């Protein structure tokens, strides 16, 4: 029998890992383009994640930033998510 993962778990992991990459300074992708605020908002909107799940991820990442730049990035994406109605 094949075990099937809950798709919601996959979506949460995808968004959470993408947020971490954005917070860490916009690590470069294979095409060498920096991950920007537009990129991460596109990931969030395109994922179809629920508002409750996204709020939970932001709550989990509250203590994740290591320096002021990462804290600023977290604040930026949180505010942008609120503006766009994702939260």
Protein backbone atom coordinates (compact mmCIF):
# COMPACT_ATOMS: atom_id res chain seq x y z
CA UNK A 1 0.00 0.00 0.00
CA UNK A 2 1.26 3.47 -0.87
CA UNK A 3 1.26 6.10 1.80
CA UNK A 4 -0.03 9.47 0.59
CA UNK A 5 1.05 12.67 2.31
CA UNK A 6 -1.48 15.29 3.23
CA UNK A 7 -1.11 18.03 0.56
CA UNK A 8 -1.56 20.72 3.22
CA UNK A 9 1.66 19.59 4.91
CA UNK A 10 3.54 19.90 1.64
CA UNK A 11 2.18 23.38 1.04
CA UNK A 12 3.11 24.49 4.55
CA UNK A 13 6.66 23.14 4.18
CA UNK A 14 7.06 24.80 0.77
CA UNK A 15 5.94 28.20 2.07
CA UNK A 16 7.94 27.93 5.30
CA UNK A 17 11.16 26.93 3.51
CA UNK A 18 10.65 29.67 0.93
CA UNK A 19 10.16 32.23 3.70
CA UNK A 20 13.37 31.05 5.36
CA UNK A 21 15.28 31.44 2.10
CA UNK A 22 13.90 34.96 1.70
CA UNK A 23 14.78 35.88 5.29
CA UNK A 24 18.33 34.63 4.89
CA UNK A 25 19.01 37.32 2.36
CA UNK A 26 17.32 36.12 -0.75
CA UNK A 27 19.56 33.17 -1.57
CA UNK A 28 20.13 32.75 -5.26
CA UNK A 29 18.24 30.20 -7.27
CA UNK A 30 19.66 28.11 -10.11
CA UNK A 31 19.08 30.95 -12.56
CA UNK A 32 21.12 33.30 -10.28
CA UNK A 33 18.27 35.74 -9.75
CA UNK A 34 17.91 37.08 -6.23
CA UNK A 35 14.75 36.16 -4.39
CA UNK A 36 12.89 39.42 -3.90
CA UNK A 37 9.78 40.58 -2.06
CA UNK A 38 7.79 40.05 -5.27
CA UNK A 39 9.11 36.49 -5.48
CA UNK A 40 8.05 35.54 -1.95
CA UNK A 41 4.63 37.17 -2.25
CA UNK A 42 4.14 35.20 -5.46
CA UNK A 43 5.10 31.99 -3.66
CA UNK A 44 2.59 32.69 -0.89
CA UNK A 45 -0.26 33.67 -3.19
CA UNK A 46 0.45 30.86 -5.66
CA UNK A 47 0.61 28.19 -2.99
CA UNK A 48 -3.02 28.62 -1.98
CA UNK A 49 -2.11 28.38 1.70
CA UNK A 50 -4.88 29.28 4.12
CA UNK A 51 -4.71 32.46 6.18
CA UNK A 52 -4.63 30.45 9.39
CA UNK A 53 -1.74 28.27 8.22
CA UNK A 54 0.24 31.30 7.04
CA UNK A 55 -0.33 33.07 10.36
CA UNK A 56 0.91 29.95 12.14
CA UNK A 57 4.07 29.90 10.00
CA UNK A 58 4.75 33.58 10.72
CA UNK A 59 4.28 32.84 14.42
CA UNK A 60 6.80 29.97 14.21
CA UNK A 61 9.32 32.16 12.37
CA UNK A 62 9.03 35.04 14.82
CA UNK A 63 12.29 34.04 16.57
CA UNK A 64 14.05 32.79 13.41
CA UNK A 65 15.80 36.02 12.26
CA UNK A 66 19.46 36.13 13.28
CA UNK A 67 20.16 39.82 12.64
CA UNK A 68 18.50 43.16 11.91
CA UNK A 69 18.39 42.59 8.13
CA UNK A 70 16.48 39.34 8.57
CA UNK A 71 14.12 40.99 11.06
CA UNK A 72 13.49 43.74 8.53
CA UNK A 73 12.76 41.18 5.80
CA UNK A 74 10.31 39.34 8.08
CA UNK A 75 8.56 42.61 8.84
CA UNK A 76 8.39 43.49 5.12
CA UNK A 77 6.81 40.22 4.07
CA UNK A 78 4.42 40.21 7.02
CA UNK A 79 3.17 43.70 6.15
CA UNK A 80 2.94 42.86 2.44
CA UNK A 81 0.97 39.70 3.23
CA UNK A 82 -1.48 41.76 5.25
CA UNK A 83 -1.85 44.34 2.44
CA UNK A 84 -2.57 41.66 -0.12
CA UNK A 85 -5.11 39.92 2.10
CA UNK A 86 -3.08 36.75 2.59
CA UNK A 87 -3.29 37.18 6.38
